[in-house]
């Protein structure tokens, strides 16, 4: 009965956890969920916790340390020593074999030590703080990349869904046209080529529809992986592509000053420079003396039998206090070479910081240009779609009136289908280019 209750408890716990996963997401909800559950984001958060532990681990090196040791020895065969035999009344020049000590002994010692001065320890404390800062910056960088990945994956799902709907709508309209033209052809009022042209177009649309459905399924799976849930989970997206594009066309993003110092890549490069400065300090500190103090005490027990647990056992106590001073005197130029190498690495990191600053300025300008083009292209493709719809409708009317050929109708239909897909792609480009700009500048907005 007890085992059954345990199994029921485990199942209840598992079901409770599975219910915590939403089955519907807006884009902002998907971003918020991924920042908590994406596997890369969770590992980056764990890195911060590990860095905090490492910081404390480094700090404890300079705090009092207490250690205890217990050493038990049982000589299976005791060592023999030679002493002059005349000590025991023997002849001069002769030696007698004697055994010193007991067959068994116990040594119990406790030692309290304290580091008083160590230059490398002081540098280590600073390095631990920098390492924690590096971990936090890495987490911020990961979150930005996760956010951008969710936006891209979410947009790809919406693009695939819209493509499927458009293909299905076009196939319905085209199938109707094909049925009408087929009837006209069967009555001898239309050429067979007209039917064949529509069949070719319909066949291409059906093939594109099947491919769009496959891409839609893959896009959902990619989004699930980015969210940190099972890739086959069934989820619903509550936002639509056009609304997201319209709501995130903003000229304000294009007029903001290019402040690279607030970007995460600049902060990471600056962390690298600071870490190289600390490494240089560390190499210099190795030429300084190290001083520590210790206090120990313990007991020694001796016996030919194992009587150390008996109350009658005699114990001899001891205690000592002292200092340890380590003076680096001569290293055959090794410390000097290590210091020079650290200086070279610091100079490299300074140049790398400047290079990062220039690269970020260029990337921000490029991202702004791409975002501006995406917004302009969106309005252009939106207008082109309206024109393509009118052209296709006119050619369809002309075709059934016998004024336009089937080739002209097919050309207008192909142009319409391309305009539809191009508009969908520009919507996605607006969203992705805005996300790219925000990722580079480290300025995020809500969707």
Protein backbone atom coordinates (compact mmCIF):
# COMPACT_ATOMS: atom_id res chain seq x y z
CA UNK A 1 0.00 0.00 0.00
CA UNK A 2 2.87 2.32 0.86
CA UNK A 3 4.48 1.76 -2.56
CA UNK A 4 1.17 2.50 -4.32
CA UNK A 5 0.86 5.83 -2.50
CA UNK A 6 4.41 6.73 -3.53
CA UNK A 7 3.66 5.95 -7.19
CA UNK A 8 0.44 8.01 -7.05
CA UNK A 9 2.34 10.92 -5.51
CA UNK A 10 4.98 10.79 -8.25
CA UNK A 11 2.33 10.68 -10.98
CA UNK A 12 0.46 13.58 -9.41
CA UNK A 13 3.67 15.59 -9.22
CA UNK A 14 4.47 14.84 -12.87
CA UNK A 15 1.00 15.78 -14.02
CA UNK A 16 1.13 18.95 -12.00
CA UNK A 17 4.38 19.94 -13.66
CA UNK A 18 3.09 19.19 -17.15
CA UNK A 19 0.11 21.46 -16.56
CA UNK A 20 2.47 24.36 -15.92
CA UNK A 21 3.37 24.46 -19.63
CA UNK A 22 1.01 26.83 -21.48
CA UNK A 23 -0.55 25.64 -24.73
CA UNK A 24 -1.06 29.13 -26.19
CA UNK A 25 1.52 31.90 -26.56
CA UNK A 26 1.58 35.46 -27.74
CA UNK A 27 5.03 36.51 -28.94
CA UNK A 28 5.78 38.32 -25.67
CA UNK A 29 4.54 35.37 -23.65
CA UNK A 30 6.77 33.08 -25.69
CA UNK A 31 9.77 35.35 -25.00
CA UNK A 32 9.04 35.50 -21.27
CA UNK A 33 8.57 31.73 -21.08
CA UNK A 34 11.78 31.01 -23.00
CA UNK A 35 13.86 33.30 -20.79
CA UNK A 36 12.89 31.07 -17.87
CA UNK A 37 12.80 27.66 -19.55
CA UNK A 38 15.12 27.72 -22.55
CA UNK A 39 17.94 25.30 -21.79
CA UNK A 40 20.71 27.73 -22.73
CA UNK A 41 19.14 30.46 -20.59
CA UNK A 42 18.87 28.09 -17.62
CA UNK A 43 22.50 27.02 -17.97
CA UNK A 44 23.58 30.68 -18.13
CA UNK A 45 21.69 31.28 -14.87
CA UNK A 46 23.44 28.26 -13.36
CA UNK A 47 26.79 29.74 -14.43
CA UNK A 48 26.00 32.84 -12.36
CA UNK A 49 25.25 30.70 -9.32
CA UNK A 50 28.47 28.76 -9.89
CA UNK A 51 30.40 32.04 -10.14
CA UNK A 52 28.93 33.17 -6.80
CA UNK A 53 30.07 29.93 -5.22
CA UNK A 54 33.52 30.32 -6.76
CA UNK A 55 33.73 33.88 -5.42
CA UNK A 56 33.05 32.63 -1.90
CA UNK A 57 35.43 29.71 -2.43
CA UNK A 58 38.20 32.21 -3.26
CA UNK A 59 37.29 34.41 -0.28
CA UNK A 60 37.60 31.52 2.17
CA UNK A 61 41.26 31.05 1.28
CA UNK A 62 42.06 34.12 3.40
CA UNK A 63 39.84 33.06 6.30
CA UNK A 64 40.92 30.83 9.21
CA UNK A 65 41.34 27.19 8.28
CA UNK A 66 40.99 24.36 10.79
CA UNK A 67 42.14 20.85 9.93
CA UNK A 68 42.54 17.70 11.96
CA UNK A 69 44.47 14.52 11.29
CA UNK A 70 44.61 11.18 13.07
CA UNK A 71 47.52 8.89 12.30
CA UNK A 72 47.60 5.29 13.55
CA UNK A 73 50.66 3.10 13.05
CA UNK A 74 51.13 -0.59 13.77
CA UNK A 75 54.68 -1.80 13.06
CA UNK A 76 54.42 -5.37 11.79
CA UNK A 77 58.17 -5.55 12.33
CA UNK A 78 59.81 -2.76 14.29
CA UNK A 79 62.97 -1.14 13.04
CA UNK A 80 66.19 -2.16 14.81
CA UNK A 81 68.83 0.44 15.73
CA UNK A 82 72.50 -0.15 16.64
CA UNK A 83 74.07 1.48 19.69
CA UNK A 84 77.56 0.98 21.20
CA UNK A 85 77.56 -2.21 23.32
CA UNK A 86 79.64 -0.52 26.00
CA UNK A 87 76.48 1.41 27.04
CA UNK A 88 75.23 -1.89 28.37
CA UNK A 89 78.55 -3.14 29.76
CA UNK A 90 79.80 -4.67 26.54
CA UNK A 91 83.16 -4.46 24.86
CA UNK A 92 84.18 -1.18 23.18
CA UNK A 93 83.81 -1.27 19.41
CA UNK A 94 80.93 -3.68 19.53
CA UNK A 95 77.26 -2.75 18.90
CA UNK A 96 74.03 -3.94 20.42
CA UNK A 97 70.66 -4.15 18.64
CA UNK A 98 67.88 -2.19 20.35
CA UNK A 99 64.31 -1.24 19.41
CA UNK A 100 63.04 2.23 20.28
CA UNK A 101 59.38 3.00 20.79
CA UNK A 102 56.30 0.86 20.99
CA UNK A 103 54.82 -1.39 18.35
CA UNK A 104 51.69 0.80 17.98
CA UNK A 105 51.10 4.53 18.26
CA UNK A 106 48.43 7.14 17.54
CA UNK A 107 49.02 10.77 16.65
CA UNK A 108 45.95 13.09 16.74
CA UNK A 109 46.63 16.69 15.64
CA UNK A 110 44.45 19.78 15.04
CA UNK A 111 45.93 22.76 13.16
CA UNK A 112 44.51 26.27 12.92
CA UNK A 113 46.08 28.31 10.12
CA UNK A 114 45.58 31.88 8.95
CA UNK A 115 46.86 33.56 5.81
CA UNK A 116 48.32 36.94 6.80
CA UNK A 117 49.57 38.26 3.47
CA UNK A 118 49.59 36.93 -0.06
CA UNK A 119 49.51 39.25 -3.07
CA UNK A 120 48.03 36.57 -5.32
CA UNK A 121 45.15 36.14 -2.85
CA UNK A 122 44.24 39.84 -3.10
CA UNK A 123 44.28 39.59 -6.89
CA UNK A 124 42.22 36.42 -6.64
CA UNK A 125 39.50 38.27 -4.72
CA UNK A 126 39.31 40.91 -7.46
CA UNK A 127 39.31 38.22 -10.14
CA UNK A 128 36.40 36.42 -8.46
CA UNK A 129 34.32 39.61 -8.65
CA UNK A 130 35.23 40.06 -12.31
CA UNK A 131 34.41 36.43 -13.04
CA UNK A 132 30.96 36.93 -11.50
CA UNK A 133 30.49 40.01 -13.66
CA UNK A 134 31.55 38.02 -16.74
CA UNK A 135 28.98 35.35 -15.91
CA UNK A 136 26.25 37.99 -15.53
CA UNK A 137 27.18 39.53 -18.87
CA UNK A 138 27.18 36.08 -20.46
CA UNK A 139 23.68 35.52 -19.08
CA UNK A 140 22.54 38.84 -20.51
CA UNK A 141 24.08 37.95 -23.87
CA UNK A 142 22.37 34.55 -23.80
CA UNK A 143 19.01 36.12 -22.94
CA UNK A 144 19.32 38.54 -25.86
CA UNK A 145 20.14 35.70 -28.24
CA UNK A 146 17.30 33.56 -26.85
CA UNK A 147 14.90 36.48 -27.28
CA UNK A 148 16.01 37.00 -30.89
CA UNK A 149 15.77 33.26 -31.55
CA UNK A 150 12.21 33.14 -30.20
CA UNK A 151 11.19 36.11 -32.34
CA UNK A 152 12.66 34.45 -35.44
CA UNK A 153 11.12 31.05 -34.65
CA UNK A 154 7.72 32.54 -33.78
CA UNK A 155 7.75 34.59 -36.98
CA UNK A 156 8.69 31.55 -39.07
CA UNK A 157 5.70 29.66 -37.69
CA UNK A 158 3.36 32.55 -38.53
CA UNK A 159 4.90 32.83 -41.99
CA UNK A 160 4.39 29.12 -42.63
CA UNK A 161 0.81 29.25 -41.33
CA UNK A 162 -0.06 32.24 -43.51
CA UNK A 163 1.57 30.59 -46.52
CA UNK A 164 -0.56 27.48 -46.04
CA UNK A 165 -3.75 29.56 -45.81
CA UNK A 166 -2.87 31.57 -48.91
CA UNK A 167 -2.00 28.47 -50.92
CA UNK A 168 -5.27 26.83 -49.89
CA UNK A 169 -7.24 29.92 -50.84
CA UNK A 170 -5.48 30.20 -54.20
CA UNK A 171 -6.01 26.51 -54.91
CA UNK A 172 -9.74 26.86 -54.19
CA UNK A 173 -10.05 29.81 -56.56
CA UNK A 174 -7.91 28.19 -59.23
CA UNK A 175 -9.78 24.87 -59.00
CA UNK A 176 -13.01 26.76 -59.59
CA UNK A 177 -11.50 28.48 -62.62
CA UNK A 178 -10.20 25.16 -63.95
CA UNK A 179 -13.65 23.55 -63.60
CA UNK A 180 -15.26 26.40 -65.49
CA UNK A 181 -12.64 26.39 -68.26
CA UNK A 182 -12.90 22.60 -68.55
CA UNK A 183 -16.65 22.87 -69.11
CA UNK A 184 -16.14 25.58 -71.71
CA UNK A 185 -13.52 23.42 -73.43
CA UNK A 186 -15.80 20.40 -73.41
CA UNK A 187 -18.42 22.54 -75.17
CA UNK A 188 -15.85 23.39 -77.83
CA UNK A 189 -15.61 27.08 -76.89
CA UNK A 190 -12.05 27.03 -75.50
CA UNK A 191 -8.70 25.62 -76.52
CA UNK A 192 -7.16 22.68 -74.70
CA UNK A 193 -4.05 24.76 -73.95
CA UNK A 194 -6.10 26.96 -71.62
CA UNK A 195 -7.02 23.93 -69.55
CA UNK A 196 -3.44 22.71 -69.54
CA UNK A 197 -2.09 26.11 -68.45
CA UNK A 198 -4.43 26.13 -65.46
CA UNK A 199 -3.54 22.53 -64.64
CA UNK A 200 0.16 23.42 -64.58
CA UNK A 201 -0.49 26.34 -62.25
CA UNK A 202 -2.72 24.21 -60.01
CA UNK A 203 -0.14 21.44 -59.84
CA UNK A 204 2.56 23.91 -58.82
CA UNK A 205 0.32 25.37 -56.14
CA UNK A 206 -0.46 21.96 -54.66
CA UNK A 207 3.23 21.09 -54.55
CA UNK A 208 3.99 24.42 -52.83
CA UNK A 209 1.14 23.79 -50.37
CA UNK A 210 2.53 20.39 -49.38
CA UNK A 211 5.97 21.91 -48.87
CA UNK A 212 4.50 24.78 -46.82
CA UNK A 213 2.75 22.29 -44.53
CA UNK A 214 5.99 20.44 -43.94
CA UNK A 215 7.80 23.71 -43.23
CA UNK A 216 5.02 24.70 -40.84
CA UNK A 217 5.47 21.49 -38.84
CA UNK A 218 9.23 21.96 -38.70
CA UNK A 219 8.80 25.62 -37.69
CA UNK A 220 6.57 24.57 -34.79
CA UNK A 221 9.16 22.04 -33.66
CA UNK A 222 11.96 24.60 -33.85
CA UNK A 223 9.88 27.02 -31.75
CA UNK A 224 9.21 24.29 -29.17
CA UNK A 225 12.93 23.58 -28.84
CA UNK A 226 13.65 27.30 -28.44
CA UNK A 227 10.95 27.53 -25.76
CA UNK A 228 12.51 24.66 -23.85
CA UNK A 229 9.59 22.24 -24.19
CA UNK A 230 9.20 18.91 -25.99
CA UNK A 231 9.63 19.49 -29.71
CA UNK A 232 6.39 17.64 -30.53
CA UNK A 233 4.23 19.65 -28.10
CA UNK A 234 1.02 21.08 -29.56
CA UNK A 235 0.90 24.85 -29.01
CA UNK A 236 -1.21 27.70 -30.36
CA UNK A 237 0.13 31.12 -31.39
CA UNK A 238 -2.23 34.00 -30.60
CA UNK A 239 -0.47 36.77 -32.56
CA UNK A 240 -0.62 37.24 -36.31
CA UNK A 241 2.18 38.26 -38.63
CA UNK A 242 0.68 41.46 -40.04
CA UNK A 243 -0.20 42.92 -36.63
CA UNK A 244 3.28 42.24 -35.30
CA UNK A 245 4.83 43.94 -38.33
CA UNK A 246 2.53 46.96 -38.16
CA UNK A 247 2.98 47.43 -34.41
CA UNK A 248 6.76 47.34 -34.57
CA UNK A 249 7.48 49.83 -37.29
CA UNK A 250 9.08 52.65 -35.31
CA UNK A 251 11.20 55.57 -36.47
CA UNK A 252 12.35 56.10 -32.89
CA UNK A 253 14.65 53.08 -33.13
CA UNK A 254 16.40 54.73 -36.08
CA UNK A 255 17.04 58.06 -34.34
CA UNK A 256 18.64 56.71 -31.17
CA UNK A 257 22.30 57.57 -30.59
CA UNK A 258 24.84 54.82 -31.22
CA UNK A 259 26.05 54.26 -27.64
CA UNK A 260 28.24 51.18 -27.91
CA UNK A 261 29.28 51.27 -24.25
CA UNK A 262 25.83 50.04 -23.22
CA UNK A 263 25.94 47.04 -25.58
CA UNK A 264 26.61 43.63 -24.15
CA UNK A 265 29.42 42.85 -26.61
CA UNK A 266 31.30 45.98 -25.48
CA UNK A 267 30.80 45.02 -21.82
CA UNK A 268 32.18 41.54 -22.53
CA UNK A 269 35.22 43.01 -24.32
CA UNK A 270 35.74 45.39 -21.40
CA UNK A 271 35.54 42.45 -18.98
CA UNK A 272 38.26 40.75 -20.99
CA UNK A 273 40.50 43.84 -20.66
CA UNK A 274 39.95 43.98 -16.89
CA UNK A 275 40.70 40.27 -16.56
CA UNK A 276 43.97 40.76 -18.46
CA UNK A 277 44.87 43.62 -16.09
CA UNK A 278 44.29 41.31 -13.14
CA UNK A 279 46.43 38.60 -14.72
CA UNK A 280 49.24 41.15 -15.00
CA UNK A 281 48.78 42.03 -11.31
CA UNK A 282 48.86 38.35 -10.47
CA UNK A 283 52.20 37.82 -12.19
CA UNK A 284 53.64 40.86 -10.41
CA UNK A 285 52.30 39.67 -7.05
CA UNK A 286 54.28 36.43 -7.35
CA UNK A 287 57.42 38.43 -6.51
CA UNK A 288 55.96 39.44 -3.11
CA UNK A 289 56.49 37.43 0.09
CA UNK A 290 53.79 35.18 1.51
CA UNK A 291 53.14 35.13 5.23
CA UNK A 292 50.90 32.81 7.24
CA UNK A 293 50.51 31.81 10.88
CA UNK A 294 49.60 28.49 12.46
CA UNK A 295 48.58 27.09 15.83
CA UNK A 296 48.43 23.35 16.37
CA UNK A 297 47.95 20.92 19.18
CA UNK A 298 47.44 17.23 19.67
CA UNK A 299 48.05 14.08 21.60
CA UNK A 300 50.37 11.10 21.16
CA UNK A 301 49.56 7.65 22.40
CA UNK A 302 51.97 4.68 22.59
CA UNK A 303 51.35 0.99 23.31
CA UNK A 304 52.45 -2.46 22.27
CA UNK A 305 48.79 -3.48 22.15
CA UNK A 306 45.73 -1.65 20.79
CA UNK A 307 44.64 0.02 24.03
CA UNK A 308 43.91 3.45 22.66
CA UNK A 309 40.20 3.20 23.45
CA UNK A 310 40.82 2.25 27.07
CA UNK A 311 40.48 4.82 29.83
CA UNK A 312 43.82 3.79 31.27
CA UNK A 313 45.65 4.69 28.08
CA UNK A 314 48.26 7.42 28.59
CA UNK A 315 48.27 10.36 26.20
CA UNK A 316 51.06 12.88 25.79
CA UNK A 317 49.88 16.32 24.71
CA UNK A 318 51.79 18.83 22.57
CA UNK A 319 51.17 22.26 21.05
CA UNK A 320 53.04 24.81 18.93
CA UNK A 321 52.63 28.24 17.37
CA UNK A 322 54.56 29.76 14.53
CA UNK A 323 54.79 31.60 11.22
CA UNK A 324 55.58 30.56 7.69
CA UNK A 325 57.32 33.12 5.47
CA UNK A 326 57.98 32.40 1.81
CA UNK A 327 60.40 34.78 0.07
CA UNK A 328 60.69 34.53 -3.73
CA UNK A 329 64.32 35.38 -4.44
CA UNK A 330 65.45 34.13 -7.83
CA UNK A 331 63.45 32.45 -10.62
CA UNK A 332 66.01 32.58 -13.46
CA UNK A 333 63.86 35.20 -15.22
CA UNK A 334 60.73 33.06 -15.19
CA UNK A 335 58.61 35.59 -13.30
CA UNK A 336 59.82 38.41 -15.52
CA UNK A 337 58.91 36.47 -18.66
CA UNK A 338 55.44 35.68 -17.27
CA UNK A 339 54.92 39.37 -16.43
CA UNK A 340 55.96 40.45 -19.93
CA UNK A 341 53.62 37.89 -21.46
CA UNK A 342 50.76 39.24 -19.32
CA UNK A 343 51.56 42.78 -20.54
CA UNK A 344 51.39 41.63 -24.15
CA UNK A 345 48.00 39.99 -23.57
CA UNK A 346 46.75 43.19 -21.91
CA UNK A 347 47.84 45.26 -24.93
CA UNK A 348 46.02 42.81 -27.19
CA UNK A 349 42.81 43.11 -25.13
CA UNK A 350 43.00 46.93 -25.31
CA UNK A 351 43.20 46.77 -29.10
CA UNK A 352 40.42 44.20 -29.12
CA UNK A 353 38.22 46.56 -27.11
CA UNK A 354 38.82 49.32 -29.66
CA UNK A 355 38.13 46.86 -32.48
CA UNK A 356 34.90 45.79 -30.78
CA UNK A 357 33.81 49.41 -30.43
CA UNK A 358 34.37 50.12 -34.13
CA UNK A 359 32.70 46.87 -35.17
CA UNK A 360 29.64 47.60 -33.04
CA UNK A 361 29.28 51.07 -34.52
CA UNK A 362 29.30 49.51 -37.98
CA UNK A 363 26.88 46.73 -36.96
CA UNK A 364 24.44 49.24 -35.44
CA UNK A 365 24.46 51.36 -38.59
CA UNK A 366 23.98 48.22 -40.71
CA UNK A 367 21.12 47.02 -38.51
CA UNK A 368 19.44 50.42 -38.71
CA UNK A 369 19.80 50.40 -42.49
CA UNK A 370 18.36 46.89 -42.73
CA UNK A 371 15.45 47.82 -40.46
CA UNK A 372 14.70 50.95 -42.47
CA UNK A 373 14.82 48.99 -45.72
CA UNK A 374 12.56 46.30 -44.25
CA UNK A 375 9.92 48.86 -43.31
CA UNK A 376 10.12 50.58 -46.68
CA UNK A 377 10.03 47.25 -48.48
CA UNK A 378 7.00 46.21 -46.44
CA UNK A 379 4.94 49.19 -47.61
CA UNK A 380 6.22 48.68 -51.15
CA UNK A 381 5.29 44.98 -51.21
CA UNK A 382 1.92 45.78 -49.66
CA UNK A 383 1.20 48.18 -52.52
CA UNK A 384 2.53 45.67 -55.06
CA UNK A 385 0.17 43.00 -53.75
CA UNK A 386 -2.81 45.33 -54.17
CA UNK A 387 -1.73 46.00 -57.76
CA UNK A 388 -1.11 42.30 -58.46
CA UNK A 389 -4.60 41.42 -57.17
CA UNK A 390 -6.17 44.00 -59.48
CA UNK A 391 -4.10 42.80 -62.44
CA UNK A 392 -4.99 39.17 -61.81
CA UNK A 393 -8.68 40.01 -61.45
CA UNK A 394 -8.66 41.99 -64.69
CA UNK A 395 -6.91 39.21 -66.58
CA UNK A 396 -9.32 36.67 -65.19
CA UNK A 397 -12.25 38.74 -66.39
CA UNK A 398 -10.62 39.26 -69.79
CA UNK A 399 -9.85 35.57 -70.07
CA UNK A 400 -13.45 34.45 -69.51
CA UNK A 401 -14.58 37.16 -71.91
CA UNK A 402 -12.18 35.78 -74.52
CA UNK A 403 -10.01 38.90 -74.65
CA UNK A 404 -6.91 37.59 -72.84
CA UNK A 405 -5.06 34.33 -73.45
CA UNK A 406 -4.51 31.58 -70.90
CA UNK A 407 -0.81 32.41 -70.92
CA UNK A 408 -1.53 36.00 -69.90
CA UNK A 409 -3.84 34.76 -67.11
CA UNK A 410 -1.23 32.34 -65.84
CA UNK A 411 1.41 35.08 -65.88
CA UNK A 412 -0.88 37.36 -63.83
CA UNK A 413 -1.63 34.56 -61.38
CA UNK A 414 2.05 33.73 -60.94
CA UNK A 415 2.75 37.40 -60.32
CA UNK A 416 0.00 37.49 -57.69
CA UNK A 417 1.30 34.41 -55.90
CA UNK A 418 4.83 35.84 -55.81
CA UNK A 419 3.52 39.16 -54.46
CA UNK A 420 1.65 37.33 -51.70
CA UNK A 421 4.75 35.44 -50.55
CA UNK A 422 6.96 38.52 -50.85
CA UNK A 423 4.63 40.50 -48.60
CA UNK A 424 4.68 37.74 -45.99
CA UNK A 425 8.46 37.66 -46.12
CA UNK A 426 8.73 41.44 -45.71
CA UNK A 427 6.48 41.24 -42.61
CA UNK A 428 8.89 38.72 -41.14
CA UNK A 429 11.84 40.88 -42.19
CA UNK A 430 10.41 43.85 -40.31
CA UNK A 431 10.10 41.80 -37.12
CA UNK A 432 13.49 40.11 -37.45
CA UNK A 433 15.40 43.28 -38.40
CA UNK A 434 13.88 45.10 -35.43
CA UNK A 435 14.90 42.21 -33.17
CA UNK A 436 18.43 42.26 -34.63
CA UNK A 437 18.77 45.99 -33.98
CA UNK A 438 17.52 45.62 -30.41
CA UNK A 439 19.87 42.69 -29.80
CA UNK A 440 22.93 44.63 -30.96
CA UNK A 441 22.02 47.80 -29.04
CA UNK A 442 20.83 45.90 -25.96
CA UNK A 443 17.50 47.78 -26.01
CA UNK A 444 14.50 45.47 -25.85
CA UNK A 445 10.84 46.37 -26.27
CA UNK A 446 7.69 44.40 -25.57
CA UNK A 447 5.82 42.73 -28.40
